ModelCIF file with pLDDT and N, C-alpha, C, O atoms, coordinates in Angstrom:
data_MODEL
#
_entry.id   MODEL 
#
_entity.id                         1 
_entity.type                       polymer 
_entity.pdbx_number_of_molecules   1 
#
_entity_poly.entity_id                      1 
_entity_poly.type                           'polypeptide(L)' 
_entity_poly.nstd_linkage                   no 
_entity_poly.nstd_monomer                   no 
_entity_poly.pdbx_seq_one_letter_code       RSITSRLEKVRRQRDQGRRSRRRAEVPTVSLVGYTNAGKSTLFNRL 
_entity_poly.pdbx_seq_one_letter_code_can   RSITSRLEKVRRQRDQGRRSRRRAEVPTVSLVGYTNAGKSTLFNRL 
_entity_poly.pdbx_strand_id                 A 
#
loop_
_entity_poly_seq.entity_id 
_entity_poly_seq.num 
_entity_poly_seq.mon_id 
_entity_poly_seq.hetero 
1 1  ARG n 
1 2  SER n 
1 3  ILE n 
1 4  THR n 
1 5  SER n 
1 6  ARG n 
1 7  LEU n 
1 8  GLU n 
1 9  LYS n 
1 10 VAL n 
1 11 ARG n 
1 12 ARG n 
1 13 GLN n 
1 14 ARG n 
1 15 ASP n 
1 16 GLN n 
1 17 GLY n 
1 18 ARG n 
1 19 ARG n 
1 20 SER n 
1 21 ARG n 
1 22 ARG n 
1 23 ARG n 
1 24 ALA n 
1 25 GLU n 
1 26 VAL n 
1 27 PRO n 
1 28 THR n 
1 29 VAL n 
1 30 SER n 
1 31 LEU n 
1 32 VAL n 
1 33 GLY n 
1 34 TYR n 
1 35 THR n 
1 36 ASN n 
1 37 ALA n 
1 38 GLY n 
1 39 LYS n 
1 40 SER n 
1 41 THR n 
1 42 LEU n 
1 43 PHE n 
1 44 ASN n 
1 45 ARG n 
1 46 LEU n 
#
_struct_asym.id          A 
_struct_asym.entity_id   1 
#
loop_
_ma_qa_metric.id 
_ma_qa_metric.mode 
_ma_qa_metric.name 
_ma_qa_metric.software_group_id 
_ma_qa_metric.type 
1 global pLDDT . pLDDT 
2 local  pLDDT . pLDDT 
#
_ma_qa_metric_global.metric_id      1 
_ma_qa_metric_global.metric_value   80.37 
_ma_qa_metric_global.model_id       1 
_ma_qa_metric_global.ordinal_id     1 
#
loop_
_ma_qa_metric_local.label_asym_id 
_ma_qa_metric_local.label_comp_id 
_ma_qa_metric_local.label_seq_id 
_ma_qa_metric_local.metric_id 
_ma_qa_metric_local.metric_value 
_ma_qa_metric_local.model_id 
_ma_qa_metric_local.ordinal_id 
A ARG 1  2 91.00 1 1  
A SER 2  2 91.00 1 2  
A ILE 3  2 88.00 1 3  
A THR 4  2 86.00 1 4  
A SER 5  2 89.00 1 5  
A ARG 6  2 88.00 1 6  
A LEU 7  2 82.00 1 7  
A GLU 8  2 84.00 1 8  
A LYS 9  2 85.00 1 9  
A VAL 10 2 80.00 1 10 
A ARG 11 2 77.00 1 11 
A ARG 12 2 82.00 1 12 
A GLN 13 2 80.00 1 13 
A ARG 14 2 73.00 1 14 
A ASP 15 2 73.00 1 15 
A GLN 16 2 77.00 1 16 
A GLY 17 2 71.00 1 17 
A ARG 18 2 67.00 1 18 
A ARG 19 2 72.00 1 19 
A SER 20 2 67.00 1 20 
A ARG 21 2 63.00 1 21 
A ARG 22 2 64.00 1 22 
A ARG 23 2 63.00 1 23 
A ALA 24 2 60.00 1 24 
A GLU 25 2 63.00 1 25 
A VAL 26 2 74.00 1 26 
A PRO 27 2 80.00 1 27 
A THR 28 2 84.00 1 28 
A VAL 29 2 88.00 1 29 
A SER 30 2 87.00 1 30 
A LEU 31 2 89.00 1 31 
A VAL 32 2 88.00 1 32 
A GLY 33 2 87.00 1 33 
A TYR 34 2 86.00 1 34 
A THR 35 2 81.00 1 35 
A ASN 36 2 80.00 1 36 
A ALA 37 2 84.00 1 37 
A GLY 38 2 85.00 1 38 
A LYS 39 2 85.00 1 39 
A SER 40 2 83.00 1 40 
A THR 41 2 86.00 1 41 
A LEU 42 2 89.00 1 42 
A PHE 43 2 86.00 1 43 
A ASN 44 2 86.00 1 44 
A ARG 45 2 87.00 1 45 
A LEU 46 2 86.00 1 46 
#
loop_
_atom_site.group_PDB 
_atom_site.id 
_atom_site.type_symbol 
_atom_site.label_atom_id 
_atom_site.label_alt_id 
_atom_site.label_comp_id 
_atom_site.label_asym_id 
_atom_site.label_entity_id 
_atom_site.label_seq_id 
_atom_site.pdbx_PDB_ins_code 
_atom_site.Cartn_x 
_atom_site.Cartn_y 
_atom_site.Cartn_z 
_atom_site.occupancy 
_atom_site.B_iso_or_equiv 
_atom_site.pdbx_formal_charge 
_atom_site.auth_seq_id 
_atom_site.auth_comp_id 
_atom_site.auth_asym_id 
_atom_site.auth_atom_id 
_atom_site.pdbx_PDB_model_num 
ATOM 1   N N  . ARG A 1 1  ? 113.085 117.240 106.338 1.00 91.00 ? 1  ARG A N  1 
ATOM 2   C CA . ARG A 1 1  ? 112.904 116.955 104.768 1.00 91.00 ? 1  ARG A CA 1 
ATOM 3   C C  . ARG A 1 1  ? 114.214 116.429 104.187 1.00 91.00 ? 1  ARG A C  1 
ATOM 4   O O  . ARG A 1 1  ? 114.216 115.496 103.384 1.00 91.00 ? 1  ARG A O  1 
ATOM 5   N N  . SER A 1 2  ? 115.244 116.992 104.568 1.00 91.00 ? 2  SER A N  1 
ATOM 6   C CA . SER A 1 2  ? 116.683 116.414 104.318 1.00 91.00 ? 2  SER A CA 1 
ATOM 7   C C  . SER A 1 2  ? 116.767 115.067 104.569 1.00 91.00 ? 2  SER A C  1 
ATOM 8   O O  . SER A 1 2  ? 116.850 114.296 103.613 1.00 91.00 ? 2  SER A O  1 
ATOM 9   N N  . ILE A 1 3  ? 116.759 114.625 105.778 1.00 88.00 ? 3  ILE A N  1 
ATOM 10  C CA . ILE A 1 3  ? 116.967 113.219 106.148 1.00 88.00 ? 3  ILE A CA 1 
ATOM 11  C C  . ILE A 1 3  ? 115.986 112.306 105.483 1.00 88.00 ? 3  ILE A C  1 
ATOM 12  O O  . ILE A 1 3  ? 116.377 111.205 105.095 1.00 88.00 ? 3  ILE A O  1 
ATOM 13  N N  . THR A 1 4  ? 114.831 112.650 105.333 1.00 86.00 ? 4  THR A N  1 
ATOM 14  C CA . THR A 1 4  ? 113.753 111.978 104.731 1.00 86.00 ? 4  THR A CA 1 
ATOM 15  C C  . THR A 1 4  ? 114.126 111.709 103.293 1.00 86.00 ? 4  THR A C  1 
ATOM 16  O O  . THR A 1 4  ? 113.881 110.597 102.823 1.00 86.00 ? 4  THR A O  1 
ATOM 17  N N  . SER A 1 5  ? 114.753 112.729 102.492 1.00 89.00 ? 5  SER A N  1 
ATOM 18  C CA . SER A 1 5  ? 115.136 112.282 101.122 1.00 89.00 ? 5  SER A CA 1 
ATOM 19  C C  . SER A 1 5  ? 116.346 111.521 101.003 1.00 89.00 ? 5  SER A C  1 
ATOM 20  O O  . SER A 1 5  ? 116.462 110.735 100.063 1.00 89.00 ? 5  SER A O  1 
ATOM 21  N N  . ARG A 1 6  ? 117.332 111.677 101.914 1.00 88.00 ? 6  ARG A N  1 
ATOM 22  C CA . ARG A 1 6  ? 118.352 110.748 102.000 1.00 88.00 ? 6  ARG A CA 1 
ATOM 23  C C  . ARG A 1 6  ? 118.043 109.316 102.287 1.00 88.00 ? 6  ARG A C  1 
ATOM 24  O O  . ARG A 1 6  ? 118.724 108.461 101.720 1.00 88.00 ? 6  ARG A O  1 
ATOM 25  N N  . LEU A 1 7  ? 116.991 108.923 103.188 1.00 82.00 ? 7  LEU A N  1 
ATOM 26  C CA . LEU A 1 7  ? 116.649 107.804 103.510 1.00 82.00 ? 7  LEU A CA 1 
ATOM 27  C C  . LEU A 1 7  ? 115.787 107.231 102.238 1.00 82.00 ? 7  LEU A C  1 
ATOM 28  O O  . LEU A 1 7  ? 115.620 106.019 102.100 1.00 82.00 ? 7  LEU A O  1 
ATOM 29  N N  . GLU A 1 8  ? 115.257 108.183 101.327 1.00 84.00 ? 8  GLU A N  1 
ATOM 30  C CA . GLU A 1 8  ? 114.585 107.417 100.063 1.00 84.00 ? 8  GLU A CA 1 
ATOM 31  C C  . GLU A 1 8  ? 115.531 107.019 99.410  1.00 84.00 ? 8  GLU A C  1 
ATOM 32  O O  . GLU A 1 8  ? 115.334 105.951 98.831  1.00 84.00 ? 8  GLU A O  1 
ATOM 33  N N  . LYS A 1 9  ? 116.795 107.622 99.242  1.00 85.00 ? 9  LYS A N  1 
ATOM 34  C CA . LYS A 1 9  ? 118.068 106.946 98.412  1.00 85.00 ? 9  LYS A CA 1 
ATOM 35  C C  . LYS A 1 9  ? 118.212 105.693 98.848  1.00 85.00 ? 9  LYS A C  1 
ATOM 36  O O  . LYS A 1 9  ? 118.151 104.707 98.114  1.00 85.00 ? 9  LYS A O  1 
ATOM 37  N N  . VAL A 1 10 ? 118.449 105.665 100.312 1.00 80.00 ? 10 VAL A N  1 
ATOM 38  C CA . VAL A 1 10 ? 118.806 104.141 100.860 1.00 80.00 ? 10 VAL A CA 1 
ATOM 39  C C  . VAL A 1 10 ? 117.716 103.100 100.382 1.00 80.00 ? 10 VAL A C  1 
ATOM 40  O O  . VAL A 1 10 ? 118.013 102.021 99.870  1.00 80.00 ? 10 VAL A O  1 
ATOM 41  N N  . ARG A 1 11 ? 116.588 103.480 100.574 1.00 77.00 ? 11 ARG A N  1 
ATOM 42  C CA . ARG A 1 11 ? 115.262 102.573 100.156 1.00 77.00 ? 11 ARG A CA 1 
ATOM 43  C C  . ARG A 1 11 ? 115.561 102.200 98.809  1.00 77.00 ? 11 ARG A C  1 
ATOM 44  O O  . ARG A 1 11 ? 115.608 100.985 98.614  1.00 77.00 ? 11 ARG A O  1 
ATOM 45  N N  . ARG A 1 12 ? 115.790 103.009 97.757  1.00 82.00 ? 12 ARG A N  1 
ATOM 46  C CA . ARG A 1 12 ? 115.965 102.865 96.309  1.00 82.00 ? 12 ARG A CA 1 
ATOM 47  C C  . ARG A 1 12 ? 117.069 101.713 96.395  1.00 82.00 ? 12 ARG A C  1 
ATOM 48  O O  . ARG A 1 12 ? 116.863 100.602 95.905  1.00 82.00 ? 12 ARG A O  1 
ATOM 49  N N  . GLN A 1 13 ? 118.207 102.038 97.026  1.00 80.00 ? 13 GLN A N  1 
ATOM 50  C CA . GLN A 1 13 ? 119.445 101.318 97.002  1.00 80.00 ? 13 GLN A CA 1 
ATOM 51  C C  . GLN A 1 13 ? 118.999 99.698  97.542  1.00 80.00 ? 13 GLN A C  1 
ATOM 52  O O  . GLN A 1 13 ? 119.250 98.635  96.976  1.00 80.00 ? 13 GLN A O  1 
ATOM 53  N N  . ARG A 1 14 ? 118.313 99.909  98.731  1.00 73.00 ? 14 ARG A N  1 
ATOM 54  C CA . ARG A 1 14 ? 118.064 98.269  99.077  1.00 73.00 ? 14 ARG A CA 1 
ATOM 55  C C  . ARG A 1 14 ? 117.056 97.692  98.111  1.00 73.00 ? 14 ARG A C  1 
ATOM 56  O O  . ARG A 1 14 ? 117.088 96.480  97.893  1.00 73.00 ? 14 ARG A O  1 
ATOM 57  N N  . ASP A 1 15 ? 116.126 98.494  97.488  1.00 73.00 ? 15 ASP A N  1 
ATOM 58  C CA . ASP A 1 15 ? 115.337 97.943  96.342  1.00 73.00 ? 15 ASP A CA 1 
ATOM 59  C C  . ASP A 1 15 ? 116.013 97.221  95.337  1.00 73.00 ? 15 ASP A C  1 
ATOM 60  O O  . ASP A 1 15 ? 115.635 96.115  94.950  1.00 73.00 ? 15 ASP A O  1 
ATOM 61  N N  . GLN A 1 16 ? 117.111 97.877  94.858  1.00 77.00 ? 16 GLN A N  1 
ATOM 62  C CA . GLN A 1 16 ? 118.053 97.363  93.870  1.00 77.00 ? 16 GLN A CA 1 
ATOM 63  C C  . GLN A 1 16 ? 118.488 96.227  94.342  1.00 77.00 ? 16 GLN A C  1 
ATOM 64  O O  . GLN A 1 16 ? 118.258 95.191  93.717  1.00 77.00 ? 16 GLN A O  1 
ATOM 65  N N  . GLY A 1 17 ? 119.221 96.212  95.572  1.00 71.00 ? 17 GLY A N  1 
ATOM 66  C CA . GLY A 1 17 ? 119.523 94.836  96.061  1.00 71.00 ? 17 GLY A CA 1 
ATOM 67  C C  . GLY A 1 17 ? 118.689 93.634  96.037  1.00 71.00 ? 17 GLY A C  1 
ATOM 68  O O  . GLY A 1 17 ? 119.018 92.523  95.621  1.00 71.00 ? 17 GLY A O  1 
ATOM 69  N N  . ARG A 1 18 ? 117.460 94.030  96.584  1.00 67.00 ? 18 ARG A N  1 
ATOM 70  C CA . ARG A 1 18 ? 116.351 92.987  96.584  1.00 67.00 ? 18 ARG A CA 1 
ATOM 71  C C  . ARG A 1 18 ? 116.003 92.689  95.122  1.00 67.00 ? 18 ARG A C  1 
ATOM 72  O O  . ARG A 1 18 ? 115.853 91.503  94.829  1.00 67.00 ? 18 ARG A O  1 
ATOM 73  N N  . ARG A 1 19 ? 115.876 93.487  94.302  1.00 72.00 ? 19 ARG A N  1 
ATOM 74  C CA . ARG A 1 19 ? 115.610 93.044  92.739  1.00 72.00 ? 19 ARG A CA 1 
ATOM 75  C C  . ARG A 1 19 ? 116.718 92.199  92.312  1.00 72.00 ? 19 ARG A C  1 
ATOM 76  O O  . ARG A 1 19 ? 116.385 91.140  91.781  1.00 72.00 ? 19 ARG A O  1 
ATOM 77  N N  . SER A 1 20 ? 117.834 92.413  92.418  1.00 67.00 ? 20 SER A N  1 
ATOM 78  C CA . SER A 1 20 ? 119.020 91.470  91.850  1.00 67.00 ? 20 SER A CA 1 
ATOM 79  C C  . SER A 1 20 ? 118.713 90.064  92.660  1.00 67.00 ? 20 SER A C  1 
ATOM 80  O O  . SER A 1 20 ? 118.718 88.988  92.063  1.00 67.00 ? 20 SER A O  1 
ATOM 81  N N  . ARG A 1 21 ? 118.488 90.154  93.848  1.00 63.00 ? 21 ARG A N  1 
ATOM 82  C CA . ARG A 1 21 ? 118.095 88.728  94.549  1.00 63.00 ? 21 ARG A CA 1 
ATOM 83  C C  . ARG A 1 21 ? 117.095 87.971  94.141  1.00 63.00 ? 21 ARG A C  1 
ATOM 84  O O  . ARG A 1 21 ? 117.076 86.741  94.182  1.00 63.00 ? 21 ARG A O  1 
ATOM 85  N N  . ARG A 1 22 ? 116.110 88.795  93.679  1.00 64.00 ? 22 ARG A N  1 
ATOM 86  C CA . ARG A 1 22 ? 114.769 88.050  93.046  1.00 64.00 ? 22 ARG A CA 1 
ATOM 87  C C  . ARG A 1 22 ? 115.199 87.562  91.711  1.00 64.00 ? 22 ARG A C  1 
ATOM 88  O O  . ARG A 1 22 ? 114.861 86.450  91.305  1.00 64.00 ? 22 ARG A O  1 
ATOM 89  N N  . ARG A 1 23 ? 115.976 88.418  90.989  1.00 63.00 ? 23 ARG A N  1 
ATOM 90  C CA . ARG A 1 23 ? 116.208 87.799  89.682  1.00 63.00 ? 23 ARG A CA 1 
ATOM 91  C C  . ARG A 1 23 ? 117.265 86.498  89.538  1.00 63.00 ? 23 ARG A C  1 
ATOM 92  O O  . ARG A 1 23 ? 117.333 85.689  88.613  1.00 63.00 ? 23 ARG A O  1 
ATOM 93  N N  . ALA A 1 24 ? 118.093 86.575  90.811  1.00 60.00 ? 24 ALA A N  1 
ATOM 94  C CA . ALA A 1 24 ? 118.775 85.306  90.847  1.00 60.00 ? 24 ALA A CA 1 
ATOM 95  C C  . ALA A 1 24 ? 118.055 84.267  91.475  1.00 60.00 ? 24 ALA A C  1 
ATOM 96  O O  . ALA A 1 24 ? 118.665 83.199  91.540  1.00 60.00 ? 24 ALA A O  1 
ATOM 97  N N  . GLU A 1 25 ? 116.805 84.299  92.003  1.00 63.00 ? 25 GLU A N  1 
ATOM 98  C CA . GLU A 1 25 ? 115.937 83.488  92.493  1.00 63.00 ? 25 GLU A CA 1 
ATOM 99  C C  . GLU A 1 25 ? 116.528 83.007  93.890  1.00 63.00 ? 25 GLU A C  1 
ATOM 100 O O  . GLU A 1 25 ? 116.488 81.828  94.244  1.00 63.00 ? 25 GLU A O  1 
ATOM 101 N N  . VAL A 1 26 ? 117.020 83.916  94.565  1.00 74.00 ? 26 VAL A N  1 
ATOM 102 C CA . VAL A 1 26 ? 117.604 83.707  95.792  1.00 74.00 ? 26 VAL A CA 1 
ATOM 103 C C  . VAL A 1 26 ? 116.679 83.918  96.888  1.00 74.00 ? 26 VAL A C  1 
ATOM 104 O O  . VAL A 1 26 ? 116.340 85.090  97.055  1.00 74.00 ? 26 VAL A O  1 
ATOM 105 N N  . PRO A 1 27 ? 116.183 83.027  97.692  1.00 80.00 ? 27 PRO A N  1 
ATOM 106 C CA . PRO A 1 27 ? 115.074 83.305  98.695  1.00 80.00 ? 27 PRO A CA 1 
ATOM 107 C C  . PRO A 1 27 ? 115.535 84.095  99.838  1.00 80.00 ? 27 PRO A C  1 
ATOM 108 O O  . PRO A 1 27 ? 116.740 83.963  100.053 1.00 80.00 ? 27 PRO A O  1 
ATOM 109 N N  . THR A 1 28 ? 114.800 85.011  100.764 1.00 84.00 ? 28 THR A N  1 
ATOM 110 C CA . THR A 1 28 ? 115.305 85.552  101.605 1.00 84.00 ? 28 THR A CA 1 
ATOM 111 C C  . THR A 1 28 ? 114.511 85.274  102.973 1.00 84.00 ? 28 THR A C  1 
ATOM 112 O O  . THR A 1 28 ? 113.285 85.368  102.927 1.00 84.00 ? 28 THR A O  1 
ATOM 113 N N  . VAL A 1 29 ? 115.088 84.961  104.107 1.00 88.00 ? 29 VAL A N  1 
ATOM 114 C CA . VAL A 1 29 ? 114.621 84.488  105.280 1.00 88.00 ? 29 VAL A CA 1 
ATOM 115 C C  . VAL A 1 29 ? 115.034 85.574  106.227 1.00 88.00 ? 29 VAL A C  1 
ATOM 116 O O  . VAL A 1 29 ? 116.183 86.004  106.329 1.00 88.00 ? 29 VAL A O  1 
ATOM 117 N N  . SER A 1 30 ? 113.822 86.043  107.021 1.00 87.00 ? 30 SER A N  1 
ATOM 118 C CA . SER A 1 30 ? 114.166 87.116  107.909 1.00 87.00 ? 30 SER A CA 1 
ATOM 119 C C  . SER A 1 30 ? 113.834 86.659  109.260 1.00 87.00 ? 30 SER A C  1 
ATOM 120 O O  . SER A 1 30 ? 112.887 85.920  109.528 1.00 87.00 ? 30 SER A O  1 
ATOM 121 N N  . LEU A 1 31 ? 114.807 87.222  110.222 1.00 89.00 ? 31 LEU A N  1 
ATOM 122 C CA . LEU A 1 31 ? 114.535 86.895  111.799 1.00 89.00 ? 31 LEU A CA 1 
ATOM 123 C C  . LEU A 1 31 ? 113.740 88.045  112.259 1.00 89.00 ? 31 LEU A C  1 
ATOM 124 O O  . LEU A 1 31 ? 114.157 89.201  112.182 1.00 89.00 ? 31 LEU A O  1 
ATOM 125 N N  . VAL A 1 32 ? 112.648 87.737  112.715 1.00 88.00 ? 32 VAL A N  1 
ATOM 126 C CA . VAL A 1 32 ? 111.815 88.787  113.684 1.00 88.00 ? 32 VAL A CA 1 
ATOM 127 C C  . VAL A 1 32 ? 111.528 88.194  114.908 1.00 88.00 ? 32 VAL A C  1 
ATOM 128 O O  . VAL A 1 32 ? 111.649 86.983  115.095 1.00 88.00 ? 32 VAL A O  1 
ATOM 129 N N  . GLY A 1 33 ? 111.113 89.067  115.839 1.00 87.00 ? 33 GLY A N  1 
ATOM 130 C CA . GLY A 1 33 ? 110.633 88.814  117.107 1.00 87.00 ? 33 GLY A CA 1 
ATOM 131 C C  . GLY A 1 33 ? 110.816 89.968  118.176 1.00 87.00 ? 33 GLY A C  1 
ATOM 132 O O  . GLY A 1 33 ? 111.267 91.073  117.873 1.00 87.00 ? 33 GLY A O  1 
ATOM 133 N N  . TYR A 1 34 ? 110.406 89.595  119.519 1.00 86.00 ? 34 TYR A N  1 
ATOM 134 C CA . TYR A 1 34 ? 110.437 90.513  120.260 1.00 86.00 ? 34 TYR A CA 1 
ATOM 135 C C  . TYR A 1 34 ? 111.973 90.806  120.688 1.00 86.00 ? 34 TYR A C  1 
ATOM 136 O O  . TYR A 1 34 ? 112.811 89.952  120.398 1.00 86.00 ? 34 TYR A O  1 
ATOM 137 N N  . THR A 1 35 ? 112.362 91.953  121.350 1.00 81.00 ? 35 THR A N  1 
ATOM 138 C CA . THR A 1 35 ? 113.423 92.291  121.483 1.00 81.00 ? 35 THR A CA 1 
ATOM 139 C C  . THR A 1 35 ? 114.150 91.531  122.829 1.00 81.00 ? 35 THR A C  1 
ATOM 140 O O  . THR A 1 35 ? 113.728 91.425  123.981 1.00 81.00 ? 35 THR A O  1 
ATOM 141 N N  . ASN A 1 36 ? 115.252 91.111  122.287 1.00 80.00 ? 36 ASN A N  1 
ATOM 142 C CA . ASN A 1 36 ? 116.189 90.138  123.459 1.00 80.00 ? 36 ASN A CA 1 
ATOM 143 C C  . ASN A 1 36 ? 115.505 88.766  123.499 1.00 80.00 ? 36 ASN A C  1 
ATOM 144 O O  . ASN A 1 36 ? 115.241 88.188  124.554 1.00 80.00 ? 36 ASN A O  1 
ATOM 145 N N  . ALA A 1 37 ? 115.250 88.307  122.336 1.00 84.00 ? 37 ALA A N  1 
ATOM 146 C CA . ALA A 1 37 ? 114.557 86.817  122.156 1.00 84.00 ? 37 ALA A CA 1 
ATOM 147 C C  . ALA A 1 37 ? 115.668 85.795  121.824 1.00 84.00 ? 37 ALA A C  1 
ATOM 148 O O  . ALA A 1 37 ? 115.650 84.566  121.894 1.00 84.00 ? 37 ALA A O  1 
ATOM 149 N N  . GLY A 1 38 ? 116.785 86.777  121.387 1.00 85.00 ? 38 GLY A N  1 
ATOM 150 C CA . GLY A 1 38 ? 117.995 85.932  120.847 1.00 85.00 ? 38 GLY A CA 1 
ATOM 151 C C  . GLY A 1 38 ? 118.209 85.741  119.328 1.00 85.00 ? 38 GLY A C  1 
ATOM 152 O O  . GLY A 1 38 ? 118.834 84.789  118.860 1.00 85.00 ? 38 GLY A O  1 
ATOM 153 N N  . LYS A 1 39 ? 117.684 86.647  118.654 1.00 85.00 ? 39 LYS A N  1 
ATOM 154 C CA . LYS A 1 39 ? 117.809 86.694  117.231 1.00 85.00 ? 39 LYS A CA 1 
ATOM 155 C C  . LYS A 1 39 ? 119.060 86.809  116.818 1.00 85.00 ? 39 LYS A C  1 
ATOM 156 O O  . LYS A 1 39 ? 119.437 85.881  116.102 1.00 85.00 ? 39 LYS A O  1 
ATOM 157 N N  . SER A 1 40 ? 119.897 87.726  117.059 1.00 83.00 ? 40 SER A N  1 
ATOM 158 C CA . SER A 1 40 ? 121.221 88.031  116.983 1.00 83.00 ? 40 SER A CA 1 
ATOM 159 C C  . SER A 1 40 ? 122.232 86.748  117.249 1.00 83.00 ? 40 SER A C  1 
ATOM 160 O O  . SER A 1 40 ? 123.119 86.474  116.441 1.00 83.00 ? 40 SER A O  1 
ATOM 161 N N  . THR A 1 41 ? 122.030 86.046  118.368 1.00 86.00 ? 41 THR A N  1 
ATOM 162 C CA . THR A 1 41 ? 122.765 84.953  118.902 1.00 86.00 ? 41 THR A CA 1 
ATOM 163 C C  . THR A 1 41 ? 122.477 83.735  117.834 1.00 86.00 ? 41 THR A C  1 
ATOM 164 O O  . THR A 1 41 ? 123.363 83.050  117.325 1.00 86.00 ? 41 THR A O  1 
ATOM 165 N N  . LEU A 1 42 ? 121.075 83.599  117.595 1.00 89.00 ? 42 LEU A N  1 
ATOM 166 C CA . LEU A 1 42 ? 120.959 82.596  116.428 1.00 89.00 ? 42 LEU A CA 1 
ATOM 167 C C  . LEU A 1 42 ? 121.353 82.892  114.963 1.00 89.00 ? 42 LEU A C  1 
ATOM 168 O O  . LEU A 1 42 ? 121.658 81.951  114.231 1.00 89.00 ? 42 LEU A O  1 
ATOM 169 N N  . PHE A 1 43 ? 121.357 83.909  114.600 1.00 86.00 ? 43 PHE A N  1 
ATOM 170 C CA . PHE A 1 43 ? 121.952 84.450  113.511 1.00 86.00 ? 43 PHE A CA 1 
ATOM 171 C C  . PHE A 1 43 ? 123.459 84.273  113.402 1.00 86.00 ? 43 PHE A C  1 
ATOM 172 O O  . PHE A 1 43 ? 123.929 83.797  112.368 1.00 86.00 ? 43 PHE A O  1 
ATOM 173 N N  . ASN A 1 44 ? 124.224 84.623  114.395 1.00 86.00 ? 44 ASN A N  1 
ATOM 174 C CA . ASN A 1 44 ? 125.705 84.233  114.379 1.00 86.00 ? 44 ASN A CA 1 
ATOM 175 C C  . ASN A 1 44 ? 125.789 82.723  114.390 1.00 86.00 ? 44 ASN A C  1 
ATOM 176 O O  . ASN A 1 44 ? 126.691 82.223  113.717 1.00 86.00 ? 44 ASN A O  1 
ATOM 177 N N  . ARG A 1 45 ? 124.942 81.894  115.090 1.00 87.00 ? 45 ARG A N  1 
ATOM 178 C CA . ARG A 1 45 ? 125.061 80.446  115.064 1.00 87.00 ? 45 ARG A CA 1 
ATOM 179 C C  . ARG A 1 45 ? 124.967 79.872  113.810 1.00 87.00 ? 45 ARG A C  1 
ATOM 180 O O  . ARG A 1 45 ? 125.667 78.907  113.500 1.00 87.00 ? 45 ARG A O  1 
ATOM 181 N N  . LEU A 1 46 ? 124.024 80.467  112.930 1.00 86.00 ? 46 LEU A N  1 
ATOM 182 C CA . LEU A 1 46 ? 123.604 79.820  111.756 1.00 86.00 ? 46 LEU A CA 1 
ATOM 183 C C  . LEU A 1 46 ? 124.863 80.433  110.663 1.00 86.00 ? 46 LEU A C  1 
ATOM 184 O O  . LEU A 1 46 ? 124.870 80.098  109.479 1.00 86.00 ? 46 LEU A O  1 
#
């Protein structure tokens, strides 16, 4: 219960960050994929 409530606070903080990005009309592009597909290597390259 304690960890769940702390994660809920984290979720609200992330929501706040996303709302500010939406207000600024900044698009979000997310890397997804199977593990070890090279997402972090591509992220570092870009």
